[in-house]
């Protein structure tokens, strides 16, 4: 019995050492992604600018969108909205111009341009009004071009891009209605959705024979307590490992955000809006890494204790408190 416990302890120690080495390598690799993403985003932005200057906004828009996903920037958002407006996607352009407006400072030369372009686009926006037929229950979900619409937008004017659109309404009982509409520039279109009639219930099945059914097999015996305890140990330990991995990843992201902050704001007393955003992001990532680390260590420790104290079949193990000379402790009892 003692040899078995020592073997388990050695195996657990080897596993923890291997995990620590893997985590250290992951942490070193995670410290680099921010600068790499920024470089990739800059390359995509420059390709988008080249396409925009060549009046090829169809090619430029996906490049700007991918660049913005990798590393959000005000210049990318400005060029994306400009391209969408040139292609007649007035609702998308207005949405991105308004998003940019919240990020521009009073001294930014793009601020008056953005305000003017929003004012120019507003009268050209098509409006779609989606309503439910009178007396019909409200649908549980409404999709506009495969994107979920907020329930609060039903009955109000919703800005959309000019052209064809598909509306799908779904009700809780499984019924579904679909409508296809086309809206011109500056026009308003009202759409009324109505659920189809409820289908009649199928007739009950006719029983052909009353022959006795074969006896049901006896239920499977429940797994032994030691097996359940081992399973719980692996589950708890796995949660701890996942939390530690998340801690290392968010810690690496926090280090990357700190490096970007030092480049953006060499003088902390004169920091830009971008720098303030990086500072807030870094603090959030640091807090998340610390919390996940604590959860991971607790889960890993609890899983290890559960595993090491799992009794073999035919034995029982108990952990009891004890008063010892100079302090307290716990005794591990085993009975064969």
C-alpha atoms as a PDB file:
ATOM      1  CA  UNK A   1       0.000   0.000   0.000  1.00  0.00           C
ATOM      2  CA  UNK A   2       2.818   2.441   0.912  1.00  0.00           C
ATOM      3  CA  UNK A   3       4.674   1.637  -2.309  1.00  0.00           C
ATOM      4  CA  UNK A   4       1.567   2.353  -4.323  1.00  0.00           C
ATOM      5  CA  UNK A   5       1.131   5.756  -2.685  1.00  0.00           C
ATOM      6  CA  UNK A   6       4.781   6.664  -3.265  1.00  0.00           C
ATOM      7  CA  UNK A   7       4.481   5.651  -6.919  1.00  0.00           C
ATOM      8  CA  UNK A   8       1.428   7.842  -7.313  1.00  0.00           C
ATOM      9  CA  UNK A   9       3.187  10.785  -5.686  1.00  0.00           C
ATOM     10  CA  UNK A  10       6.187  10.397  -8.005  1.00  0.00           C
ATOM     11  CA  UNK A  11       3.971  10.173 -11.086  1.00  0.00           C
ATOM     12  CA  UNK A  12       2.041  13.273 -10.006  1.00  0.00           C
ATOM     13  CA  UNK A  13       5.285  15.181  -9.418  1.00  0.00           C
ATOM     14  CA  UNK A  14       6.563  14.238 -12.886  1.00  0.00           C
ATOM     15  CA  UNK A  15       3.285  15.366 -14.442  1.00  0.00           C
ATOM     16  CA  UNK A  16       3.428  18.721 -12.644  1.00  0.00           C
ATOM     17  CA  UNK A  17       7.029  19.260 -13.781  1.00  0.00           C
ATOM     18  CA  UNK A  18       6.123  18.527 -17.420  1.00  0.00           C
ATOM     19  CA  UNK A  19       3.140  20.853 -17.220  1.00  0.00           C
ATOM     20  CA  UNK A  20       5.298  23.644 -15.759  1.00  0.00           C
ATOM     21  CA  UNK A  21       7.761  23.322 -18.656  1.00  0.00           C
ATOM     22  CA  UNK A  22       4.969  23.460 -21.239  1.00  0.00           C
ATOM     23  CA  UNK A  23       3.427  26.505 -19.527  1.00  0.00           C
ATOM     24  CA  UNK A  24       6.763  28.312 -19.469  1.00  0.00           C
ATOM     25  CA  UNK A  25       7.173  27.774 -23.215  1.00  0.00           C
ATOM     26  CA  UNK A  26       3.576  28.938 -23.844  1.00  0.00           C
ATOM     27  CA  UNK A  27       4.130  32.078 -21.802  1.00  0.00           C
ATOM     28  CA  UNK A  28       7.220  32.985 -23.804  1.00  0.00           C
ATOM     29  CA  UNK A  29       5.319  32.494 -27.064  1.00  0.00           C
ATOM     30  CA  UNK A  30       2.278  34.470 -25.849  1.00  0.00           C
ATOM     31  CA  UNK A  31       4.365  37.533 -25.041  1.00  0.00           C
ATOM     32  CA  UNK A  32       4.792  38.311 -28.764  1.00  0.00           C
ATOM     33  CA  UNK A  33       1.289  38.346 -30.363  1.00  0.00           C
ATOM     34  CA  UNK A  34       0.421  42.024 -29.992  1.00  0.00           C
ATOM     35  CA  UNK A  35       3.311  43.377 -32.062  1.00  0.00           C
ATOM     36  CA  UNK A  36       2.808  40.605 -34.634  1.00  0.00           C
ATOM     37  CA  UNK A  37      -0.905  41.428 -34.972  1.00  0.00           C
ATOM     38  CA  UNK A  38      -0.113  45.120 -35.327  1.00  0.00           C
ATOM     39  CA  UNK A  39       2.370  44.391 -38.135  1.00  0.00           C
ATOM     40  CA  UNK A  40      -0.124  42.112 -39.937  1.00  0.00           C
ATOM     41  CA  UNK A  41      -2.885  44.723 -39.521  1.00  0.00           C
ATOM     42  CA  UNK A  42      -0.614  47.460 -40.929  1.00  0.00           C
ATOM     43  CA  UNK A  43       0.190  45.333 -43.990  1.00  0.00           C
ATOM     44  CA  UNK A  44      -3.525  44.693 -44.629  1.00  0.00           C
ATOM     45  CA  UNK A  45      -4.281  48.396 -44.144  1.00  0.00           C
ATOM     46  CA  UNK A  46      -1.674  49.392 -46.732  1.00  0.00           C
ATOM     47  CA  UNK A  47      -3.118  46.879 -49.213  1.00  0.00           C
ATOM     48  CA  UNK A  48      -6.576  48.321 -48.570  1.00  0.00           C
ATOM     49  CA  UNK A  49      -5.307  51.875 -49.119  1.00  0.00           C
ATOM     50  CA  UNK A  50      -3.737  50.832 -52.430  1.00  0.00           C
ATOM     51  CA  UNK A  51      -7.056  49.310 -53.541  1.00  0.00           C
ATOM     52  CA  UNK A  52      -8.943  52.431 -52.397  1.00  0.00           C
ATOM     53  CA  UNK A  53      -6.623  54.707 -54.366  1.00  0.00           C
ATOM     54  CA  UNK A  54      -7.250  52.473 -57.382  1.00  0.00           C
ATOM     55  CA  UNK A  55     -11.028  53.008 -56.849  1.00  0.00           C
ATOM     56  CA  UNK A  56     -11.451  49.285 -56.064  1.00  0.00           C
ATOM     57  CA  UNK A  57     -13.510  49.425 -52.871  1.00  0.00           C
ATOM     58  CA  UNK A  58     -14.902  45.920 -53.433  1.00  0.00           C
ATOM     59  CA  UNK A  59     -11.376  44.613 -52.816  1.00  0.00           C
ATOM     60  CA  UNK A  60     -10.470  47.212 -50.190  1.00  0.00           C
ATOM     61  CA  UNK A  61     -13.383  46.578 -47.768  1.00  0.00           C
ATOM     62  CA  UNK A  62     -12.451  42.985 -46.733  1.00  0.00           C
ATOM     63  CA  UNK A  63      -8.818  44.107 -46.296  1.00  0.00           C
ATOM     64  CA  UNK A  64      -9.850  46.980 -44.004  1.00  0.00           C
ATOM     65  CA  UNK A  65     -12.218  44.720 -42.025  1.00  0.00           C
ATOM     66  CA  UNK A  66      -9.528  42.076 -41.444  1.00  0.00           C
ATOM     67  CA  UNK A  67      -7.028  44.781 -40.417  1.00  0.00           C
ATOM     68  CA  UNK A  68      -9.557  46.230 -37.942  1.00  0.00           C
ATOM     69  CA  UNK A  69     -10.212  42.795 -36.441  1.00  0.00           C
ATOM     70  CA  UNK A  70      -6.497  42.169 -35.895  1.00  0.00           C
ATOM     71  CA  UNK A  71      -5.655  45.602 -34.472  1.00  0.00           C
ATOM     72  CA  UNK A  72      -8.432  48.244 -34.193  1.00  0.00           C
ATOM     73  CA  UNK A  73      -7.362  51.700 -35.388  1.00  0.00           C
ATOM     74  CA  UNK A  74      -9.212  54.944 -36.124  1.00  0.00           C
ATOM     75  CA  UNK A  75      -7.593  55.338 -39.543  1.00  0.00           C
ATOM     76  CA  UNK A  76      -8.734  51.875 -40.609  1.00  0.00           C
ATOM     77  CA  UNK A  77     -12.301  52.579 -39.461  1.00  0.00           C
ATOM     78  CA  UNK A  78     -12.330  55.904 -41.339  1.00  0.00           C
ATOM     79  CA  UNK A  79     -11.217  54.294 -44.617  1.00  0.00           C
ATOM     80  CA  UNK A  80     -13.645  51.379 -44.194  1.00  0.00           C
ATOM     81  CA  UNK A  81     -16.599  53.763 -43.783  1.00  0.00           C
ATOM     82  CA  UNK A  82     -15.438  55.807 -46.779  1.00  0.00           C
ATOM     83  CA  UNK A  83     -15.353  52.704 -49.008  1.00  0.00           C
ATOM     84  CA  UNK A  84     -18.783  51.525 -47.817  1.00  0.00           C
ATOM     85  CA  UNK A  85     -20.292  54.922 -48.605  1.00  0.00           C
ATOM     86  CA  UNK A  86     -18.801  54.871 -52.109  1.00  0.00           C
ATOM     87  CA  UNK A  87     -20.422  51.464 -52.750  1.00  0.00           C
ATOM     88  CA  UNK A  88     -23.816  52.719 -51.550  1.00  0.00           C
ATOM     89  CA  UNK A  89     -23.795  50.797 -48.278  1.00  0.00           C
ATOM     90  CA  UNK A  90     -25.105  53.824 -46.413  1.00  0.00           C
ATOM     91  CA  UNK A  91     -26.257  52.070 -43.218  1.00  0.00           C
ATOM     92  CA  UNK A  92     -22.924  50.276 -42.764  1.00  0.00           C
ATOM     93  CA  UNK A  93     -20.960  53.462 -43.500  1.00  0.00           C
ATOM     94  CA  UNK A  94     -23.054  55.519 -41.062  1.00  0.00           C
ATOM     95  CA  UNK A  95     -22.612  52.895 -38.340  1.00  0.00           C
ATOM     96  CA  UNK A  96     -18.813  52.926 -38.735  1.00  0.00           C
ATOM     97  CA  UNK A  97     -18.637  56.738 -38.941  1.00  0.00           C
ATOM     98  CA  UNK A  98     -20.630  56.989 -35.678  1.00  0.00           C
ATOM     99  CA  UNK A  99     -18.350  54.419 -34.047  1.00  0.00           C
ATOM    100  CA  UNK A 100     -15.333  56.470 -35.166  1.00  0.00           C
ATOM    101  CA  UNK A 101     -16.934  59.661 -33.828  1.00  0.00           C
ATOM    102  CA  UNK A 102     -16.747  58.295 -30.256  1.00  0.00           C
ATOM    103  CA  UNK A 103     -12.979  57.740 -30.619  1.00  0.00           C
ATOM    104  CA  UNK A 104     -11.874  61.070 -32.139  1.00  0.00           C
ATOM    105  CA  UNK A 105     -10.508  63.864 -29.961  1.00  0.00           C
ATOM    106  CA  UNK A 106     -11.555  67.532 -30.455  1.00  0.00           C
ATOM    107  CA  UNK A 107      -8.275  68.417 -32.216  1.00  0.00           C
ATOM    108  CA  UNK A 108      -8.393  65.528 -34.698  1.00  0.00           C
ATOM    109  CA  UNK A 109      -8.781  66.850 -38.292  1.00  0.00           C
ATOM    110  CA  UNK A 110     -11.002  63.851 -39.089  1.00  0.00           C
ATOM    111  CA  UNK A 111     -13.645  64.971 -36.582  1.00  0.00           C
ATOM    112  CA  UNK A 112     -15.394  67.651 -38.712  1.00  0.00           C
ATOM    113  CA  UNK A 113     -15.103  65.447 -41.815  1.00  0.00           C
ATOM    114  CA  UNK A 114     -16.751  62.539 -40.013  1.00  0.00           C
ATOM    115  CA  UNK A 115     -19.556  64.748 -38.657  1.00  0.00           C
ATOM    116  CA  UNK A 116     -20.247  66.159 -42.115  1.00  0.00           C
ATOM    117  CA  UNK A 117     -20.328  62.739 -43.749  1.00  0.00           C
ATOM    118  CA  UNK A 118     -22.818  61.452 -41.178  1.00  0.00           C
ATOM    119  CA  UNK A 119     -25.029  64.484 -41.896  1.00  0.00           C
ATOM    120  CA  UNK A 120     -24.787  63.839 -45.665  1.00  0.00           C
ATOM    121  CA  UNK A 121     -25.658  60.146 -45.335  1.00  0.00           C
ATOM    122  CA  UNK A 122     -28.645  60.457 -42.971  1.00  0.00           C
ATOM    123  CA  UNK A 123     -31.187  61.578 -45.659  1.00  0.00           C
ATOM    124  CA  UNK A 124     -30.059  58.783 -47.987  1.00  0.00           C
ATOM    125  CA  UNK A 125     -30.571  55.961 -45.471  1.00  0.00           C
ATOM    126  CA  UNK A 126     -33.340  53.445 -46.339  1.00  0.00           C
ATOM    127  CA  UNK A 127     -35.582  52.569 -43.382  1.00  0.00           C
ATOM    128  CA  UNK A 128     -37.176  49.188 -42.706  1.00  0.00           C
ATOM    129  CA  UNK A 129     -40.106  48.844 -40.281  1.00  0.00           C
ATOM    130  CA  UNK A 130     -40.805  45.243 -39.178  1.00  0.00           C
ATOM    131  CA  UNK A 131     -44.127  44.565 -37.447  1.00  0.00           C
ATOM    132  CA  UNK A 132     -46.049  41.486 -36.323  1.00  0.00           C
ATOM    133  CA  UNK A 133     -49.590  40.974 -37.609  1.00  0.00           C
ATOM    134  CA  UNK A 134     -52.285  42.104 -35.183  1.00  0.00           C
ATOM    135  CA  UNK A 135     -53.266  39.432 -32.661  1.00  0.00           C
ATOM    136  CA  UNK A 136     -50.280  37.228 -33.470  1.00  0.00           C
ATOM    137  CA  UNK A 137     -47.826  36.358 -30.677  1.00  0.00           C
ATOM    138  CA  UNK A 138     -44.442  38.060 -30.736  1.00  0.00           C
ATOM    139  CA  UNK A 139     -41.750  35.904 -32.359  1.00  0.00           C
ATOM    140  CA  UNK A 140     -38.947  34.590 -30.187  1.00  0.00           C
ATOM    141  CA  UNK A 141     -36.355  35.540 -32.820  1.00  0.00           C
ATOM    142  CA  UNK A 142     -36.217  37.741 -35.934  1.00  0.00           C
ATOM    143  CA  UNK A 143     -33.262  37.542 -38.332  1.00  0.00           C
ATOM    144  CA  UNK A 144     -32.408  40.244 -40.869  1.00  0.00           C
ATOM    145  CA  UNK A 145     -29.984  38.895 -43.485  1.00  0.00           C
ATOM    146  CA  UNK A 146     -29.051  36.086 -41.014  1.00  0.00           C
ATOM    147  CA  UNK A 147     -28.254  38.590 -38.212  1.00  0.00           C
ATOM    148  CA  UNK A 148     -30.470  38.688 -35.095  1.00  0.00           C
ATOM    149  CA  UNK A 149     -32.581  41.832 -34.692  1.00  0.00           C
ATOM    150  CA  UNK A 150     -33.152  43.260 -31.178  1.00  0.00           C
ATOM    151  CA  UNK A 151     -36.737  42.698 -30.028  1.00  0.00           C
ATOM    152  CA  UNK A 152     -36.937  46.399 -29.157  1.00  0.00           C
ATOM    153  CA  UNK A 153     -36.415  47.335 -32.827  1.00  0.00           C
ATOM    154  CA  UNK A 154     -39.737  45.744 -33.888  1.00  0.00           C
ATOM    155  CA  UNK A 155     -42.114  48.499 -35.000  1.00  0.00           C
ATOM    156  CA  UNK A 156     -39.400  51.175 -35.251  1.00  0.00           C
ATOM    157  CA  UNK A 157     -37.417  52.458 -38.237  1.00  0.00           C
ATOM    158  CA  UNK A 158     -34.293  50.374 -38.756  1.00  0.00           C
ATOM    159  CA  UNK A 159     -31.586  51.813 -41.084  1.00  0.00           C
ATOM    160  CA  UNK A 160     -30.495  49.307 -43.753  1.00  0.00           C
ATOM    161  CA  UNK A 161     -28.357  49.355 -46.874  1.00  0.00           C
ATOM    162  CA  UNK A 162     -30.233  49.847 -50.175  1.00  0.00           C
ATOM    163  CA  UNK A 163     -31.109  46.638 -51.998  1.00  0.00           C
ATOM    164  CA  UNK A 164     -32.633  43.230 -51.244  1.00  0.00           C
ATOM    165  CA  UNK A 165     -33.051  41.843 -47.739  1.00  0.00           C
ATOM    166  CA  UNK A 166     -34.385  38.604 -46.211  1.00  0.00           C
ATOM    167  CA  UNK A 167     -36.381  38.546 -42.965  1.00  0.00           C
ATOM    168  CA  UNK A 168     -36.974  35.319 -41.004  1.00  0.00           C
ATOM    169  CA  UNK A 169     -39.221  35.178 -37.911  1.00  0.00           C
ATOM    170  CA  UNK A 170     -39.306  32.163 -35.580  1.00  0.00           C
ATOM    171  CA  UNK A 171     -41.835  31.409 -32.858  1.00  0.00           C
ATOM    172  CA  UNK A 172     -41.382  29.347 -29.699  1.00  0.00           C
ATOM    173  CA  UNK A 173     -43.735  26.607 -30.968  1.00  0.00           C
ATOM    174  CA  UNK A 174     -41.497  25.919 -33.982  1.00  0.00           C
ATOM    175  CA  UNK A 175     -43.388  27.940 -36.610  1.00  0.00           C
ATOM    176  CA  UNK A 176     -41.409  30.134 -39.005  1.00  0.00           C
ATOM    177  CA  UNK A 177     -42.212  32.880 -41.520  1.00  0.00           C
ATOM    178  CA  UNK A 178     -39.961  34.431 -44.188  1.00  0.00           C
ATOM    179  CA  UNK A 179     -40.247  37.666 -46.164  1.00  0.00           C
ATOM    180  CA  UNK A 180     -38.065  39.128 -48.936  1.00  0.00           C
ATOM    181  CA  UNK A 181     -38.054  42.902 -49.392  1.00  0.00           C
ATOM    182  CA  UNK A 182     -36.215  45.455 -51.519  1.00  0.00           C
ATOM    183  CA  UNK A 183     -35.616  49.000 -50.248  1.00  0.00           C
ATOM    184  CA  UNK A 184     -34.458  51.950 -52.355  1.00  0.00           C
ATOM    185  CA  UNK A 185     -32.176  54.780 -51.252  1.00  0.00           C
ATOM    186  CA  UNK A 186     -33.956  57.130 -48.841  1.00  0.00           C
ATOM    187  CA  UNK A 187     -37.180  55.045 -48.920  1.00  0.00           C
ATOM    188  CA  UNK A 188     -39.179  53.444 -46.107  1.00  0.00           C
ATOM    189  CA  UNK A 189     -40.552  49.904 -46.307  1.00  0.00           C
ATOM    190  CA  UNK A 190     -43.120  48.355 -43.906  1.00  0.00           C
ATOM    191  CA  UNK A 191     -43.071  44.569 -43.494  1.00  0.00           C
ATOM    192  CA  UNK A 192     -45.734  42.611 -41.612  1.00  0.00           C
ATOM    193  CA  UNK A 193     -44.832  39.159 -40.294  1.00  0.00           C
ATOM    194  CA  UNK A 194     -47.479  36.545 -39.484  1.00  0.00           C
ATOM    195  CA  UNK A 195     -46.943  32.985 -38.221  1.00  0.00           C
ATOM    196  CA  UNK A 196     -48.391  30.155 -40.349  1.00  0.00           C
ATOM    197  CA  UNK A 197     -51.418  28.249 -38.982  1.00  0.00           C
ATOM    198  CA  UNK A 198     -50.743  25.669 -36.300  1.00  0.00           C
ATOM    199  CA  UNK A 199     -50.496  22.186 -37.858  1.00  0.00           C
ATOM    200  CA  UNK A 200     -53.109  19.641 -36.779  1.00  0.00           C
ATOM    201  CA  UNK A 201     -51.898  16.977 -34.332  1.00  0.00           C
ATOM    202  CA  UNK A 202     -51.339  13.524 -35.955  1.00  0.00           C
ATOM    203  CA  UNK A 203     -53.823  10.759 -35.029  1.00  0.00           C
ATOM    204  CA  UNK A 204     -52.728   8.338 -32.304  1.00  0.00           C
ATOM    205  CA  UNK A 205     -50.879   5.264 -33.493  1.00  0.00           C
ATOM    206  CA  UNK A 206     -52.912   2.038 -33.718  1.00  0.00           C
ATOM    207  CA  UNK A 207     -51.437  -0.813 -31.654  1.00  0.00           C
ATOM    208  CA  UNK A 208     -51.168  -3.946 -33.794  1.00  0.00           C
ATOM    209  CA  UNK A 209     -50.468  -6.488 -31.077  1.00  0.00           C
ATOM    210  CA  UNK A 210     -50.737  -6.754 -27.325  1.00  0.00           C
ATOM    211  CA  UNK A 211     -47.963  -9.338 -27.163  1.00  0.00           C
ATOM    212  CA  UNK A 212     -45.980  -9.159 -23.954  1.00  0.00           C
ATOM    213  CA  UNK A 213     -42.733  -7.268 -24.229  1.00  0.00           C
ATOM    214  CA  UNK A 214     -39.404  -8.838 -23.369  1.00  0.00           C
ATOM    215  CA  UNK A 215     -38.249  -8.147 -19.826  1.00  0.00           C
ATOM    216  CA  UNK A 216     -35.976  -5.171 -19.470  1.00  0.00           C
ATOM    217  CA  UNK A 217     -32.333  -5.957 -18.728  1.00  0.00           C
ATOM    218  CA  UNK A 218     -31.256  -5.288 -15.156  1.00  0.00           C
ATOM    219  CA  UNK A 219     -29.745  -1.864 -14.604  1.00  0.00           C
ATOM    220  CA  UNK A 220     -25.984  -1.587 -14.684  1.00  0.00           C
ATOM    221  CA  UNK A 221     -24.280  -1.694 -11.337  1.00  0.00           C
ATOM    222  CA  UNK A 222     -23.137   1.725 -10.165  1.00  0.00           C
ATOM    223  CA  UNK A 223     -19.416   2.367 -10.539  1.00  0.00           C
ATOM    224  CA  UNK A 224     -17.326   1.894  -7.373  1.00  0.00           C
ATOM    225  CA  UNK A 225     -16.745   4.916  -5.189  1.00  0.00           C
ATOM    226  CA  UNK A 226     -13.006   4.886  -5.920  1.00  0.00           C
ATOM    227  CA  UNK A 227     -13.670   5.168  -9.678  1.00  0.00           C
ATOM    228  CA  UNK A 228     -16.000   8.132  -9.140  1.00  0.00           C
ATOM    229  CA  UNK A 229     -13.428   9.752  -6.867  1.00  0.00           C
ATOM    230  CA  UNK A 230     -10.695   9.350  -9.500  1.00  0.00           C
ATOM    231  CA  UNK A 231     -12.990  10.825 -12.142  1.00  0.00           C
ATOM    232  CA  UNK A 232     -13.711  13.800  -9.884  1.00  0.00           C
ATOM    233  CA  UNK A 233      -9.952  14.218  -9.275  1.00  0.00           C
ATOM    234  CA  UNK A 234      -9.236  14.367 -13.017  1.00  0.00           C
ATOM    235  CA  UNK A 235     -12.146  16.786 -13.609  1.00  0.00           C
ATOM    236  CA  UNK A 236     -11.049  19.150 -10.834  1.00  0.00           C
ATOM    237  CA  UNK A 237      -7.406  18.899 -11.892  1.00  0.00           C
ATOM    238  CA  UNK A 238      -8.372  19.530 -15.519  1.00  0.00           C
ATOM    239  CA  UNK A 239     -10.233  22.679 -14.528  1.00  0.00           C
ATOM    240  CA  UNK A 240      -7.121  23.794 -12.654  1.00  0.00           C
ATOM    241  CA  UNK A 241      -4.894  23.127 -15.665  1.00  0.00           C
ATOM    242  CA  UNK A 242      -7.272  25.041 -17.970  1.00  0.00           C
ATOM    243  CA  UNK A 243      -7.380  27.990 -15.546  1.00  0.00           C
ATOM    244  CA  UNK A 244      -3.570  28.057 -15.294  1.00  0.00           C
ATOM    245  CA  UNK A 245      -3.321  27.996 -19.093  1.00  0.00           C
ATOM    246  CA  UNK A 246      -5.770  30.919 -19.292  1.00  0.00           C
ATOM    247  CA  UNK A 247      -3.727  32.757 -16.642  1.00  0.00           C
ATOM    248  CA  UNK A 248      -0.544  32.374 -18.679  1.00  0.00           C
ATOM    249  CA  UNK A 249      -2.219  33.485 -21.909  1.00  0.00           C
ATOM    250  CA  UNK A 250      -3.810  36.588 -20.350  1.00  0.00           C
ATOM    251  CA  UNK A 251      -0.524  37.319 -18.581  1.00  0.00           C
ATOM    252  CA  UNK A 252       1.275  37.269 -21.926  1.00  0.00           C
ATOM    253  CA  UNK A 253      -1.343  39.590 -23.424  1.00  0.00           C
ATOM    254  CA  UNK A 254      -0.879  41.947 -20.453  1.00  0.00           C
ATOM    255  CA  UNK A 255       2.881  42.042 -21.089  1.00  0.00           C
ATOM    256  CA  UNK A 256       2.239  42.851 -24.756  1.00  0.00           C
ATOM    257  CA  UNK A 257      -0.212  45.634 -23.797  1.00  0.00           C
ATOM    258  CA  UNK A 258       2.371  47.095 -21.413  1.00  0.00           C
ATOM    259  CA  UNK A 259       4.975  47.177 -24.195  1.00  0.00           C
ATOM    260  CA  UNK A 260       2.546  48.938 -26.525  1.00  0.00           C
ATOM    261  CA  UNK A 261       1.677  51.418 -23.765  1.00  0.00           C
ATOM    262  CA  UNK A 262       5.353  52.291 -23.238  1.00  0.00           C
ATOM    263  CA  UNK A 263       5.708  52.967 -26.976  1.00  0.00           C
ATOM    264  CA  UNK A 264       2.462  54.971 -27.165  1.00  0.00           C
ATOM    265  CA  UNK A 265       3.056  57.009 -23.997  1.00  0.00           C
ATOM    266  CA  UNK A 266       6.753  57.504 -23.149  1.00  0.00           C
ATOM    267  CA  UNK A 267       5.655  60.274 -20.783  1.00  0.00           C
ATOM    268  CA  UNK A 268       2.772  58.960 -18.557  1.00  0.00           C
ATOM    269  CA  UNK A 269       1.653  62.539 -17.808  1.00  0.00           C
ATOM    270  CA  UNK A 270       0.988  63.173 -21.512  1.00  0.00           C
ATOM    271  CA  UNK A 271      -0.750  60.029 -22.717  1.00  0.00           C
ATOM    272  CA  UNK A 272      -2.998  59.796 -25.798  1.00  0.00           C
ATOM    273  CA  UNK A 273      -6.472  58.253 -25.924  1.00  0.00           C
ATOM    274  CA  UNK A 274      -4.954  55.145 -27.466  1.00  0.00           C
ATOM    275  CA  UNK A 275      -2.515  54.957 -24.565  1.00  0.00           C
ATOM    276  CA  UNK A 276      -5.303  55.281 -21.998  1.00  0.00           C
ATOM    277  CA  UNK A 277      -7.167  52.470 -23.753  1.00  0.00           C
ATOM    278  CA  UNK A 278      -4.023  50.293 -23.685  1.00  0.00           C
ATOM    279  CA  UNK A 279      -3.511  51.062 -19.978  1.00  0.00           C
ATOM    280  CA  UNK A 280      -7.078  50.030 -19.122  1.00  0.00           C
ATOM    281  CA  UNK A 281      -6.749  46.862 -21.209  1.00  0.00           C
ATOM    282  CA  UNK A 282      -3.471  45.962 -19.519  1.00  0.00           C
ATOM    283  CA  UNK A 283      -4.960  46.362 -16.032  1.00  0.00           C
ATOM    284  CA  UNK A 284      -7.941  44.184 -16.959  1.00  0.00           C
ATOM    285  CA  UNK A 285      -5.687  41.459 -18.397  1.00  0.00           C
ATOM    286  CA  UNK A 286      -3.420  41.530 -15.325  1.00  0.00           C
ATOM    287  CA  UNK A 287      -6.388  41.126 -12.949  1.00  0.00           C
ATOM    288  CA  UNK A 288      -7.821  38.298 -15.077  1.00  0.00           C
ATOM    289  CA  UNK A 289      -4.449  36.510 -15.132  1.00  0.00           C
ATOM    290  CA  UNK A 290      -4.130  36.742 -11.336  1.00  0.00           C
ATOM    291  CA  UNK A 291      -7.655  35.407 -10.696  1.00  0.00           C
ATOM    292  CA  UNK A 292      -7.250  32.543 -13.176  1.00  0.00           C
ATOM    293  CA  UNK A 293      -3.883  31.660 -11.643  1.00  0.00           C
ATOM    294  CA  UNK A 294      -5.386  31.404  -8.163  1.00  0.00           C
ATOM    295  CA  UNK A 295      -8.280  29.268  -9.445  1.00  0.00           C
ATOM    296  CA  UNK A 296      -5.876  27.061 -11.410  1.00  0.00           C
ATOM    297  CA  UNK A 297      -3.580  26.401  -8.449  1.00  0.00           C
ATOM    298  CA  UNK A 298      -6.543  25.635  -6.192  1.00  0.00           C
ATOM    299  CA  UNK A 299      -8.082  23.257  -8.736  1.00  0.00           C
ATOM    300  CA  UNK A 300      -4.787  21.493  -9.426  1.00  0.00           C
ATOM    301  CA  UNK A 301      -4.074  21.069  -5.712  1.00  0.00           C
ATOM    302  CA  UNK A 302      -7.565  19.777  -4.974  1.00  0.00           C
ATOM    303  CA  UNK A 303      -7.386  17.311  -7.869  1.00  0.00           C
ATOM    304  CA  UNK A 304      -4.004  16.031  -6.688  1.00  0.00           C
ATOM    305  CA  UNK A 305      -5.284  15.520  -3.121  1.00  0.00           C
ATOM    306  CA  UNK A 306      -8.367  13.661  -4.376  1.00  0.00           C
ATOM    307  CA  UNK A 307      -6.228  11.423  -6.582  1.00  0.00           C
ATOM    308  CA  UNK A 308      -3.649  10.588  -3.918  1.00  0.00           C
ATOM    309  CA  UNK A 309      -6.291   9.847  -1.286  1.00  0.00           C
ATOM    310  CA  UNK A 310      -8.365   7.556  -3.542  1.00  0.00           C
ATOM    311  CA  UNK A 311      -8.459   4.105  -1.923  1.00  0.00           C
ATOM    312  CA  UNK A 312      -7.812   0.907  -3.818  1.00  0.00           C
ATOM    313  CA  UNK A 313     -10.699  -1.576  -4.146  1.00  0.00           C
ATOM    314  CA  UNK A 314     -11.331  -3.249  -0.822  1.00  0.00           C
ATOM    315  CA  UNK A 315      -9.745  -0.488   1.272  1.00  0.00           C
ATOM    316  CA  UNK A 316     -10.973   2.708   2.864  1.00  0.00           C
ATOM    317  CA  UNK A 317      -9.125   5.937   3.462  1.00  0.00           C
ATOM    318  CA  UNK A 318     -10.056   8.718   5.891  1.00  0.00           C
ATOM    319  CA  UNK A 319      -8.464  12.079   6.645  1.00  0.00           C
ATOM    320  CA  UNK A 320      -9.009  13.169  10.307  1.00  0.00           C
ATOM    321  CA  UNK A 321      -7.766  16.160  12.314  1.00  0.00           C
ATOM    322  CA  UNK A 322      -5.213  15.549  15.086  1.00  0.00           C
ATOM    323  CA  UNK A 323      -3.599  17.528  17.901  1.00  0.00           C
ATOM    324  CA  UNK A 324       0.169  17.150  17.728  1.00  0.00           C
ATOM    325  CA  UNK A 325       3.019  18.481  19.891  1.00  0.00           C
ATOM    326  CA  UNK A 326       3.555  22.099  18.935  1.00  0.00           C
ATOM    327  CA  UNK A 327       0.448  22.436  16.747  1.00  0.00           C
ATOM    328  CA  UNK A 328      -2.308  20.683  14.847  1.00  0.00           C
ATOM    329  CA  UNK A 329      -2.352  18.451  11.789  1.00  0.00           C
ATOM    330  CA  UNK A 330      -4.208  15.703   9.959  1.00  0.00           C
ATOM    331  CA  UNK A 331      -3.814  11.919   9.945  1.00  0.00           C
ATOM    332  CA  UNK A 332      -4.450   9.675   6.951  1.00  0.00           C
ATOM    333  CA  UNK A 333      -6.043   6.327   8.024  1.00  0.00           C
ATOM    334  CA  UNK A 334      -6.214   3.294   5.732  1.00  0.00           C
ATOM    335  CA  UNK A 335      -8.148   0.084   6.431  1.00  0.00           C
ATOM    336  CA  UNK A 336      -7.837  -3.118   4.409  1.00  0.00           C
END
